[in-house]
Protein backbone atom coordinates (compact mmCIF):
# COMPACT_ATOMS: atom_id res chain seq x y z
CA MET A 1 22.97 -103.97 18.96
CA ASN A 2 22.32 -100.78 20.91
CA THR A 3 23.87 -100.52 24.18
CA SER A 4 22.94 -96.90 24.90
CA LEU A 5 21.75 -96.53 28.64
CA ASP A 6 19.95 -93.34 27.13
CA SER A 7 17.39 -95.29 25.21
CA ARG A 8 16.32 -97.76 27.79
CA LEU A 9 12.49 -98.54 27.93
CA SER A 10 10.71 -95.93 30.48
CA THR A 11 9.21 -97.48 33.92
CA ALA A 12 5.57 -96.60 32.45
CA ASN A 13 6.13 -98.38 29.13
CA ALA A 14 6.93 -100.92 30.48
CA GLU A 15 4.56 -101.44 32.79
CA GLU A 16 2.00 -100.69 29.80
CA TYR A 17 3.68 -103.47 27.74
CA ALA A 18 3.68 -106.03 30.71
CA ARG A 19 -0.06 -105.64 31.18
CA TRP A 20 -0.66 -106.49 27.46
CA PHE A 21 1.46 -109.15 27.82
CA ARG A 22 -0.10 -110.89 30.44
CA CYS A 23 -3.47 -110.38 28.58
CA LEU A 24 -2.18 -112.18 25.85
CA ALA A 25 -0.31 -114.75 27.80
CA ASP A 26 -3.19 -117.13 26.90
CA GLY A 27 -3.73 -119.76 24.40
CA THR A 28 -7.35 -119.61 24.43
CA ARG A 29 -7.40 -115.89 24.46
CA LEU A 30 -4.72 -115.54 21.53
CA ARG A 31 -7.25 -117.91 19.51
CA VAL A 32 -10.31 -115.32 20.47
CA LEU A 33 -8.07 -112.46 19.53
CA ASN A 34 -6.93 -114.28 16.41
CA VAL A 35 -10.66 -114.75 15.28
CA VAL A 36 -11.43 -111.39 15.63
CA ALA A 37 -8.80 -109.58 14.19
CA THR A 38 -8.91 -111.38 10.98
CA ALA A 39 -12.47 -111.32 10.51
CA ASP A 40 -13.70 -108.80 7.97
CA HIS A 41 -16.56 -107.43 10.07
CA PRO A 42 -17.65 -107.19 13.80
CA LEU A 43 -18.67 -110.54 15.19
CA THR A 44 -21.21 -111.61 17.69
CA VAL A 45 -20.05 -113.56 20.37
CA GLY A 46 -21.76 -116.66 19.41
CA GLU A 47 -19.83 -116.30 15.89
CA ILE A 48 -16.78 -115.98 18.36
CA VAL A 49 -17.96 -119.50 20.32
CA GLU A 50 -18.15 -121.38 17.16
CA ALA A 51 -14.82 -120.39 15.60
CA VAL A 52 -12.70 -121.44 18.59
CA GLY A 53 -15.02 -124.13 20.05
CA ARG A 54 -15.00 -122.95 23.42
CA SER A 55 -18.18 -122.03 25.75
CA GLN A 56 -19.77 -118.72 25.67
CA SER A 57 -19.02 -118.14 29.25
CA THR A 58 -15.33 -118.72 28.47
CA VAL A 59 -15.45 -116.34 25.63
CA SER A 60 -17.06 -113.77 27.13
CA ARG A 61 -14.56 -114.10 30.11
CA HIS A 62 -11.70 -113.72 27.64
CA LEU A 63 -13.12 -111.35 25.48
CA LYS A 64 -13.84 -108.92 29.22
CA VAL A 65 -9.69 -109.29 29.52
CA LEU A 66 -8.91 -108.58 26.05
CA ALA A 67 -11.20 -105.46 26.54
CA GLU A 68 -9.79 -104.20 29.31
CA GLU A 69 -6.55 -104.00 27.68
CA SER A 70 -8.59 -102.30 24.77
CA PHE A 71 -7.36 -105.03 22.20
CA VAL A 72 -10.93 -105.51 21.13
CA LEU A 73 -13.98 -102.94 21.27
CA SER A 74 -17.52 -104.01 21.45
CA GLU A 75 -20.74 -102.66 20.92
CA ALA A 76 -24.36 -103.33 21.60
CA ASP A 77 -26.40 -104.41 18.47
CA GLY A 78 -30.00 -105.11 20.24
CA VAL A 79 -29.82 -108.39 22.43
CA ARG A 80 -26.16 -109.14 20.88
CA THR A 81 -22.79 -107.46 21.01
CA LEU A 82 -20.64 -107.01 18.35
CA VAL A 83 -17.00 -107.46 18.73
CA ARG A 84 -13.92 -106.01 16.77
CA VAL A 85 -10.43 -105.77 16.61
CA ASN A 86 -8.99 -102.28 18.00
CA ASP A 87 -7.17 -101.34 15.03
CA ALA A 88 -4.26 -99.24 16.75
CA CYS A 89 -3.21 -102.52 18.23
CA MET A 90 -2.17 -103.43 14.90
CA THR A 91 0.88 -101.00 15.15
CA ALA A 92 1.27 -100.38 18.77
CA LEU A 93 2.00 -104.12 19.65
CA PRO A 94 4.57 -104.45 17.27
CA ASP A 95 5.88 -101.02 17.93
CA ALA A 96 6.09 -101.86 21.79
CA ALA A 97 7.99 -105.01 20.81
CA ALA A 98 10.64 -103.18 18.51
CA GLU A 99 10.78 -100.87 21.72
CA ILE A 100 11.31 -103.44 24.36
CA MET A 101 14.06 -105.10 21.70
CA ALA A 102 15.67 -101.60 21.30
CA ARG A 103 15.34 -102.03 17.42
CA ALA A 104 14.91 -98.77 15.65
CA GLU A 105 11.98 -100.06 13.57
CA ALA A 106 9.04 -102.43 14.15
CA CYS A 107 9.09 -105.81 12.75
CA SER A 108 7.84 -106.49 9.50
């Protein structure tokens, strides 16, 4: 266990990570993120609605929160919106957890 006071989590990182974890602190939102993250192509909102079994307005609200923290990226495609996971989160989130727990390496 690392007890060095020099390696404490910075205030800026702590605030950023707290925003991330607040964003993820909802079961439906985690399910939406999981559907998007495990898809092999960008999904329409309708596909996400079908996959999680929630209303379009509920899914859209959760996608907005996820987008505000950059977990998902969306782009207009005519009248529909395509949603994909932000690939940077695939490494940033585990690295954040490792930093919070004062681990030298991210969990595998």
